[in-house]
Every structure is written in C-alpha cells, then in structure tokens.
Amino acid sequence: MKTQMKEFIKATLIRAVRTIAQTAVATIGTSAIISEVNWLLVASSAALAGVLSVLTAIATGLPECPTCAVEAAKDKEV
C-alpha cells in the first residue's frame, strides 16, 4: 500500500508540474512582448492549474499510475 501511495504521489506531482509549466507558457504567450507579461497573472494562473491538477488526480485517478488503479480496485473487492 505504501509503495502504491508513493507512486501515486510521484505521478500526481509530475502531472501537476507539467500542467503548471503548460499554463505558464500559455499565459506568457498571450503578451505581444516580454515586457508586457503580467507575471502575477502568470503565477496565479499556473498555481491554480497545479492545484486543480492535483485535485483532479485525487478525484479520478491517474492513467500514469496503472498499479495504483489496479490495487485500488482490489482493495474495493475485499
């Protein structure tokens, strides 16, 4: 159980970091020039996306962590 939890946490954090990076890049890309970037908006949007990514992983599981899903299904059968 502990191993599956570690795998789930690792997969969740990797997904959250990717989501944060993608959101930051997308938000930065909306500015015409780098001096017009609203860095507070970039940071807050990226942080919110990271939180939502973690909450979604907790609510629905992760395809990146197949052993977590299999073990969770086995636990429910018992």
PDB file of N, CA and C in Angstrom:
ATOM      1  N   MET A   1       0.822  -1.196   0.000  1.00  0.00           N
ATOM      2  CA  MET A   1       0.000   0.000   0.000  1.00  0.00           C
ATOM      3  C   MET A   1       0.866   1.259   0.000  1.00  0.00           C
ATOM      4  N   LYS A   2       1.925   1.264   0.786  1.00  0.00           N
ATOM      5  CA  LYS A   2       2.790   2.436   0.850  1.00  0.00           C
ATOM      6  C   LYS A   2       3.475   2.686  -0.491  1.00  0.00           C
ATOM      7  N   THR A   3       3.867   1.622  -1.169  1.00  0.00           N
ATOM      8  CA  THR A   3       4.520   1.765  -2.465  1.00  0.00           C
ATOM      9  C   THR A   3       3.564   2.369  -3.475  1.00  0.00           C
ATOM     10  N   GLN A   4       2.319   1.921  -3.478  1.00  0.00           N
ATOM     11  CA  GLN A   4       1.335   2.465  -4.407  1.00  0.00           C
ATOM     12  C   GLN A   4       1.070   3.934  -4.113  1.00  0.00           C
ATOM     13  N   MET A   5       1.026   4.297  -2.837  1.00  0.00           N
ATOM     14  CA  MET A   5       0.803   5.694  -2.471  1.00  0.00           C
ATOM     15  C   MET A   5       1.969   6.558  -2.944  1.00  0.00           C
ATOM     16  N   LYS A   6       3.189   6.062  -2.784  1.00  0.00           N
ATOM     17  CA  LYS A   6       4.357   6.811  -3.258  1.00  0.00           C
ATOM     18  C   LYS A   6       4.313   6.978  -4.771  1.00  0.00           C
ATOM     19  N   GLU A   7       3.930   5.921  -5.482  1.00  0.00           N
ATOM     20  CA  GLU A   7       3.821   6.001  -6.941  1.00  0.00           C
ATOM     21  C   GLU A   7       2.748   7.006  -7.345  1.00  0.00           C
ATOM     22  N   PHE A   8       1.626   6.974  -6.640  1.00  0.00           N
ATOM     23  CA  PHE A   8       0.542   7.900  -6.949  1.00  0.00           C
ATOM     24  C   PHE A   8       0.971   9.347  -6.706  1.00  0.00           C
ATOM     25  N   ILE A   9       1.617   9.598  -5.584  1.00  0.00           N
ATOM     26  CA  ILE A   9       2.070  10.955  -5.266  1.00  0.00           C
ATOM     27  C   ILE A   9       3.088  11.432  -6.291  1.00  0.00           C
ATOM     28  N   LYS A  10       4.017  10.567  -6.659  1.00  0.00           N
ATOM     29  CA  LYS A  10       5.023  10.932  -7.661  1.00  0.00           C
ATOM     30  C   LYS A  10       4.366  11.261  -8.994  1.00  0.00           C
ATOM     31  N   ALA A  11       3.456  10.407  -9.448  1.00  0.00           N
ATOM     32  CA  ALA A  11       2.767  10.643 -10.723  1.00  0.00           C
ATOM     33  C   ALA A  11       1.925  11.906 -10.667  1.00  0.00           C
ATOM     34  N   THR A  12       1.282  12.155  -9.544  1.00  0.00           N
ATOM     35  CA  THR A  12       0.468  13.356  -9.382  1.00  0.00           C
ATOM     36  C   THR A  12       1.321  14.607  -9.430  1.00  0.00           C
ATOM     37  N   LEU A  13       2.459  14.587  -8.752  1.00  0.00           N
ATOM     38  CA  LEU A  13       3.339  15.766  -8.762  1.00  0.00           C
ATOM     39  C   LEU A  13       3.940  16.020 -10.137  1.00  0.00           C
ATOM     40  N   ILE A  14       4.300  14.953 -10.836  1.00  0.00           N
ATOM     41  CA  ILE A  14       4.824  15.118 -12.198  1.00  0.00           C
ATOM     42  C   ILE A  14       3.762  15.750 -13.087  1.00  0.00           C
ATOM     43  N   ARG A  15       2.543  15.250 -12.985  1.00  0.00           N
ATOM     44  CA  ARG A  15       1.453  15.812 -13.791  1.00  0.00           C
ATOM     45  C   ARG A  15       1.198  17.275 -13.415  1.00  0.00           C
ATOM     46  N   ALA A  16       1.227  17.593 -12.133  1.00  0.00           N
ATOM     47  CA  ALA A  16       0.980  18.966 -11.691  1.00  0.00           C
ATOM     48  C   ALA A  16       2.065  19.914 -12.206  1.00  0.00           C
ATOM     49  N   VAL A  17       3.319  19.488 -12.155  1.00  0.00           N
ATOM     50  CA  VAL A  17       4.412  20.334 -12.648  1.00  0.00           C
ATOM     51  C   VAL A  17       4.263  20.568 -14.147  1.00  0.00           C
ATOM     52  N   ARG A  18       3.896  19.540 -14.891  1.00  0.00           N
ATOM     53  CA  ARG A  18       3.678  19.706 -16.334  1.00  0.00           C
ATOM     54  C   ARG A  18       2.538  20.679 -16.597  1.00  0.00           C
ATOM     55  N   THR A  19       1.467  20.550 -15.842  1.00  0.00           N
ATOM     56  CA  THR A  19       0.315  21.433 -16.012  1.00  0.00           C
ATOM     57  C   THR A  19       0.687  22.872 -15.677  1.00  0.00           C
ATOM     58  N   ILE A  20       1.453  23.059 -14.615  1.00  0.00           N
ATOM     59  CA  ILE A  20       1.899  24.400 -14.227  1.00  0.00           C
ATOM     60  C   ILE A  20       2.746  25.018 -15.340  1.00  0.00           C
ATOM     61  N   ALA A  21       3.670  24.237 -15.869  1.00  0.00           N
ATOM     62  CA  ALA A  21       4.538  24.740 -16.939  1.00  0.00           C
ATOM     63  C   ALA A  21       3.731  25.092 -18.187  1.00  0.00           C
ATOM     64  N   GLN A  22       2.808  24.234 -18.567  1.00  0.00           N
ATOM     65  CA  GLN A  22       1.988  24.494 -19.748  1.00  0.00           C
ATOM     66  C   GLN A  22       1.141  25.749 -19.570  1.00  0.00           C
ATOM     67  N   THR A  23       0.567  25.921 -18.400  1.00  0.00           N
ATOM     68  CA  THR A  23      -0.253  27.100 -18.142  1.00  0.00           C
ATOM     69  C   THR A  23       0.587  28.365 -18.150  1.00  0.00           C
ATOM     70  N   ALA A  24       1.776  28.302 -17.563  1.00  0.00           N
ATOM     71  CA  ALA A  24       2.665  29.468 -17.556  1.00  0.00           C
ATOM     72  C   ALA A  24       3.058  29.856 -18.981  1.00  0.00           C
ATOM     73  N   VAL A  25       3.434  28.881 -19.787  1.00  0.00           N
ATOM     74  CA  VAL A  25       3.823  29.156 -21.172  1.00  0.00           C
ATOM     75  C   VAL A  25       2.646  29.747 -21.945  1.00  0.00           C
ATOM     76  N   ALA A  26       1.475  29.189 -21.769  1.00  0.00           N
ATOM     77  CA  ALA A  26       0.298  29.690 -22.476  1.00  0.00           C
ATOM     78  C   ALA A  26      -0.045  31.114 -22.047  1.00  0.00           C
ATOM     79  N   THR A  27       0.064  31.399 -20.759  1.00  0.00           N
ATOM     80  CA  THR A  27      -0.252  32.732 -20.258  1.00  0.00           C
ATOM     81  C   THR A  27       0.785  33.743 -20.717  1.00  0.00           C
ATOM     82  N   ILE A  28       2.045  33.369 -20.698  1.00  0.00           N
ATOM     83  CA  ILE A  28       3.108  34.258 -21.179  1.00  0.00           C
ATOM     84  C   ILE A  28       2.918  34.524 -22.673  1.00  0.00           C
ATOM     85  N   GLY A  29       2.494  33.513 -23.395  1.00  0.00           N
ATOM     86  CA  GLY A  29       2.320  33.638 -24.838  1.00  0.00           C
ATOM     87  C   GLY A  29       1.218  34.586 -25.260  1.00  0.00           C
ATOM     88  N   THR A  30       0.357  34.994 -24.337  1.00  0.00           N
ATOM     89  CA  THR A  30      -0.715  35.925 -24.696  1.00  0.00           C
ATOM     90  C   THR A  30      -0.232  37.362 -24.812  1.00  0.00           C
ATOM     91  N   SER A  31       0.978  37.655 -24.362  1.00  0.00           N
ATOM     92  CA  SER A  31       1.539  39.009 -24.450  1.00  0.00           C
ATOM     93  C   SER A  31       2.307  39.171 -25.755  1.00  0.00           C
ATOM     94  N   ALA A  32       2.245  40.369 -26.295  1.00  0.00           N
ATOM     95  CA  ALA A  32       2.939  40.643 -27.561  1.00  0.00           C
ATOM     96  C   ALA A  32       4.450  40.706 -27.353  1.00  0.00           C
ATOM     97  N   ILE A  33       4.874  41.316 -26.251  1.00  0.00           N
ATOM     98  CA  ILE A  33       6.309  41.399 -25.952  1.00  0.00           C
ATOM     99  C   ILE A  33       6.539  41.033 -24.486  1.00  0.00           C
ATOM    100  N   ILE A  34       7.747  40.604 -24.199  1.00  0.00           N
ATOM    101  CA  ILE A  34       8.051  40.081 -22.868  1.00  0.00           C
ATOM    102  C   ILE A  34       7.868  41.136 -21.770  1.00  0.00           C
ATOM    103  N   SER A  35       8.058  42.396 -22.079  1.00  0.00           N
ATOM    104  CA  SER A  35       7.902  43.438 -21.051  1.00  0.00           C
ATOM    105  C   SER A  35       6.437  43.669 -20.683  1.00  0.00           C
ATOM    106  N   GLU A  36       5.511  43.157 -21.485  1.00  0.00           N
ATOM    107  CA  GLU A  36       4.092  43.316 -21.194  1.00  0.00           C
ATOM    108  C   GLU A  36       3.499  42.138 -20.427  1.00  0.00           C
ATOM    109  N   VAL A  37       4.310  41.156 -20.095  1.00  0.00           N
ATOM    110  CA  VAL A  37       3.808  39.975 -19.383  1.00  0.00           C
ATOM    111  C   VAL A  37       3.380  40.376 -17.974  1.00  0.00           C
ATOM    112  N   ASN A  38       2.178  39.998 -17.618  1.00  0.00           N
ATOM    113  CA  ASN A  38       1.671  40.216 -16.266  1.00  0.00           C
ATOM    114  C   ASN A  38       2.101  39.008 -15.433  1.00  0.00           C
ATOM    115  N   TRP A  39       3.229  39.126 -14.738  1.00  0.00           N
ATOM    116  CA  TRP A  39       3.817  37.992 -14.038  1.00  0.00           C
ATOM    117  C   TRP A  39       2.960  37.508 -12.879  1.00  0.00           C
ATOM    118  N   LEU A  40       2.221  38.416 -12.256  1.00  0.00           N
ATOM    119  CA  LEU A  40       1.313  37.999 -11.184  1.00  0.00           C
ATOM    120  C   LEU A  40       0.209  37.106 -11.749  1.00  0.00           C
ATOM    121  N   LEU A  41      -0.308  37.460 -12.910  1.00  0.00           N
ATOM    122  CA  LEU A  41      -1.320  36.643 -13.571  1.00  0.00           C
ATOM    123  C   LEU A  41      -0.743  35.286 -13.972  1.00  0.00           C
ATOM    124  N   VAL A  42       0.475  35.274 -14.485  1.00  0.00           N
ATOM    125  CA  VAL A  42       1.129  34.019 -14.867  1.00  0.00           C
ATOM    126  C   VAL A  42       1.269  33.110 -13.649  1.00  0.00           C
ATOM    127  N   ALA A  43       1.771  33.666 -12.552  1.00  0.00           N
ATOM    128  CA  ALA A  43       1.993  32.863 -11.342  1.00  0.00           C
ATOM    129  C   ALA A  43       0.685  32.353 -10.754  1.00  0.00           C
ATOM    130  N   SER A  44      -0.320  33.223 -10.672  1.00  0.00           N
ATOM    131  CA  SER A  44      -1.584  32.792 -10.063  1.00  0.00           C
ATOM    132  C   SER A  44      -2.316  31.782 -10.951  1.00  0.00           C
ATOM    133  N   SER A  45      -2.287  31.978 -12.255  1.00  0.00           N
ATOM    134  CA  SER A  45      -2.925  31.016 -13.167  1.00  0.00           C
ATOM    135  C   SER A  45      -2.236  29.661 -13.103  1.00  0.00           C
ATOM    136  N   ALA A  46      -0.911  29.678 -13.103  1.00  0.00           N
ATOM    137  CA  ALA A  46      -0.151  28.426 -13.052  1.00  0.00           C
ATOM    138  C   ALA A  46      -0.379  27.702 -11.724  1.00  0.00           C
ATOM    139  N   ALA A  47      -0.402  28.450 -10.626  1.00  0.00           N
ATOM    140  CA  ALA A  47      -0.631  27.837  -9.316  1.00  0.00           C
ATOM    141  C   ALA A  47      -2.027  27.214  -9.243  1.00  0.00           C
ATOM    142  N   LEU A  48      -3.028  27.934  -9.731  1.00  0.00           N
ATOM    143  CA  LEU A  48      -4.383  27.399  -9.725  1.00  0.00           C
ATOM    144  C   LEU A  48      -4.476  26.145 -10.586  1.00  0.00           C
ATOM    145  N   ALA A  49      -3.834  26.154 -11.734  1.00  0.00           N
ATOM    146  CA  ALA A  49      -3.844  24.968 -12.597  1.00  0.00           C
ATOM    147  C   ALA A  49      -3.190  23.782 -11.893  1.00  0.00           C
ATOM    148  N   GLY A  50      -2.109  24.030 -11.150  1.00  0.00           N
ATOM    149  CA  GLY A  50      -1.455  22.956 -10.403  1.00  0.00           C
ATOM    150  C   GLY A  50      -2.351  22.369  -9.329  1.00  0.00           C
ATOM    151  N   VAL A  51      -3.043  23.228  -8.602  1.00  0.00           N
ATOM    152  CA  VAL A  51      -3.965  22.763  -7.561  1.00  0.00           C
ATOM    153  C   VAL A  51      -5.096  21.946  -8.180  1.00  0.00           C
ATOM    154  N   LEU A  52      -5.649  22.442  -9.275  1.00  0.00           N
ATOM    155  CA  LEU A  52      -6.731  21.712  -9.943  1.00  0.00           C
ATOM    156  C   LEU A  52      -6.255  20.369 -10.479  1.00  0.00           C
ATOM    157  N   SER A  53      -5.024  20.321 -10.948  1.00  0.00           N
ATOM    158  CA  SER A  53      -4.461  19.064 -11.433  1.00  0.00           C
ATOM    159  C   SER A  53      -4.361  18.032 -10.311  1.00  0.00           C
ATOM    160  N   VAL A  54      -3.904  18.460  -9.159  1.00  0.00           N
ATOM    161  CA  VAL A  54      -3.791  17.548  -8.008  1.00  0.00           C
ATOM    162  C   VAL A  54      -5.175  17.081  -7.557  1.00  0.00           C
ATOM    163  N   LEU A  55      -6.118  18.007  -7.474  1.00  0.00           N
ATOM    164  CA  LEU A  55      -7.469  17.631  -7.050  1.00  0.00           C
ATOM    165  C   LEU A  55      -8.125  16.677  -8.048  1.00  0.00           C
ATOM    166  N   THR A  56      -7.907  16.903  -9.327  1.00  0.00           N
ATOM    167  CA  THR A  56      -8.452  16.008 -10.344  1.00  0.00           C
ATOM    168  C   THR A  56      -7.842  14.618 -10.222  1.00  0.00           C
ATOM    169  N   ALA A  57      -6.539  14.552  -9.971  1.00  0.00           N
ATOM    170  CA  ALA A  57      -5.878  13.256  -9.809  1.00  0.00           C
ATOM    171  C   ALA A  57      -6.428  12.506  -8.604  1.00  0.00           C
ATOM    172  N   ILE A  58      -6.684  13.217  -7.541  1.00  0.00           N
ATOM    173  CA  ILE A  58      -7.235  12.584  -6.343  1.00  0.00           C
ATOM    174  C   ILE A  58      -8.654  12.076  -6.613  1.00  0.00           C
ATOM    175  N   ALA A  59      -9.430  12.865  -7.337  1.00  0.00           N
ATOM    176  CA  ALA A  59     -10.827  12.515  -7.588  1.00  0.00           C
ATOM    177  C   ALA A  59     -10.993  11.401  -8.610  1.00  0.00           C
ATOM    178  N   THR A  60     -10.131  11.383  -9.634  1.00  0.00           N
ATOM    179  CA  THR A  60     -10.363  10.455 -10.746  1.00  0.00           C
ATOM    180  C   THR A  60      -9.263   9.430 -10.951  1.00  0.00           C
ATOM    181  N   GLY A  61      -8.137   9.587 -10.298  1.00  0.00           N
ATOM    182  CA  GLY A  61      -7.019   8.678 -10.509  1.00  0.00           C
ATOM    183  C   GLY A  61      -6.157   9.127 -11.672  1.00  0.00           C
ATOM    184  N   LEU A  62      -5.113   8.360 -11.937  1.00  0.00           N
ATOM    185  CA  LEU A  62      -4.159   8.719 -12.978  1.00  0.00           C
ATOM    186  C   LEU A  62      -3.878   7.535 -13.889  1.00  0.00           C
ATOM    187  N   PRO A  63      -3.946   7.738 -15.191  1.00  0.00           N
ATOM    188  CA  PRO A  63      -3.562   6.660 -16.101  1.00  0.00           C
ATOM    189  C   PRO A  63      -2.055   6.387 -16.055  1.00  0.00           C
ATOM    190  N   GLU A  64      -1.258   7.364 -15.589  1.00  0.00           N
ATOM    191  CA  GLU A  64       0.186   7.177 -15.481  1.00  0.00           C
ATOM    192  C   GLU A  64       0.559   6.217 -14.359  1.00  0.00           C
ATOM    193  N   CYS A  65      -0.364   5.942 -13.494  1.00  0.00           N
ATOM    194  CA  CYS A  65      -0.104   5.079 -12.343  1.00  0.00           C
ATOM    195  C   CYS A  65      -1.037   3.872 -12.392  1.00  0.00           C
ATOM    196  N   PRO A  66      -0.810   2.963 -13.350  1.00  0.00           N
ATOM    197  CA  PRO A  66      -1.739   1.832 -13.501  1.00  0.00           C
ATOM    198  C   PRO A  66      -1.769   0.902 -12.291  1.00  0.00           C
ATOM    199  N   THR A  67      -0.657   0.751 -11.595  1.00  0.00           N
ATOM    200  CA  THR A  67      -0.659  -0.130 -10.426  1.00  0.00           C
ATOM    201  C   THR A  67      -1.517   0.439  -9.307  1.00  0.00           C
ATOM    202  N   CYS A  68      -1.594   1.747  -9.224  1.00  0.00           N
ATOM    203  CA  CYS A  68      -2.439   2.370  -8.202  1.00  0.00           C
ATOM    204  C   CYS A  68      -3.903   2.037  -8.460  1.00  0.00           C
ATOM    205  N   ALA A  69      -4.322   2.116  -9.710  1.00  0.00           N
ATOM    206  CA  ALA A  69      -5.712   1.831 -10.063  1.00  0.00           C
ATOM    207  C   ALA A  69      -6.040   0.363  -9.846  1.00  0.00           C
ATOM    208  N   VAL A  70      -5.128  -0.511 -10.206  1.00  0.00           N
ATOM    209  CA  VAL A  70      -5.352  -1.948 -10.038  1.00  0.00           C
ATOM    210  C   VAL A  70      -5.464  -2.297  -8.562  1.00  0.00           C
ATOM    211  N   GLU A  71      -4.561  -1.786  -7.760  1.00  0.00           N
ATOM    212  CA  GLU A  71      -4.585  -2.089  -6.333  1.00  0.00           C
ATOM    213  C   GLU A  71      -5.802  -1.478  -5.662  1.00  0.00           C
ATOM    214  N   ALA A  72      -6.208  -0.295  -6.094  1.00  0.00           N
ATOM    215  CA  ALA A  72      -7.391   0.332  -5.524  1.00  0.00           C
ATOM    216  C   ALA A  72      -8.624  -0.507  -5.823  1.00  0.00           C
ATOM    217  N   ALA A  73      -8.704  -1.059  -7.028  1.00  0.00           N
ATOM    218  CA  ALA A  73      -9.829  -1.918  -7.396  1.00  0.00           C
ATOM    219  C   ALA A  73      -9.812  -3.196  -6.556  1.00  0.00           C
ATOM    220  N   LYS A  74      -8.642  -3.758  -6.307  1.00  0.00           N
ATOM    221  CA  LYS A  74      -8.550  -4.964  -5.488  1.00  0.00           C
ATOM    222  C   LYS A  74      -8.988  -4.677  -4.058  1.00  0.00           C
ATOM    223  N   ASP A  75      -8.591  -3.494  -3.533  1.00  0.00           N
ATOM    224  CA  ASP A  75      -8.982  -3.124  -2.164  1.00  0.00           C
ATOM    225  C   ASP A  75     -10.494  -3.005  -2.045  1.00  0.00           C
ATOM    226  N   LYS A  76     -11.165  -2.518  -3.071  1.00  0.00           N
ATOM    227  CA  LYS A  76     -12.610  -2.355  -3.028  1.00  0.00           C
ATOM    228  C   LYS A  76     -13.331  -3.698  -3.051  1.00  0.00           C
ATOM    229  N   GLU A  77     -12.733  -4.687  -3.704  1.00  0.00           N
ATOM    230  CA  GLU A  77     -13.346  -6.005  -3.793  1.00  0.00           C
ATOM    231  C   GLU A  77     -13.370  -6.733  -2.460  1.00  0.00           C
ATOM    232  N   VAL A  78     -12.448  -6.414  -1.595  1.00  0.00           N
ATOM    233  CA  VAL A  78     -12.302  -7.109  -0.331  1.00  0.00           C
ATOM    234  C   VAL A  78     -13.371  -6.760   0.631  1.00  0.00           C
TER     235      VAL A  78
END
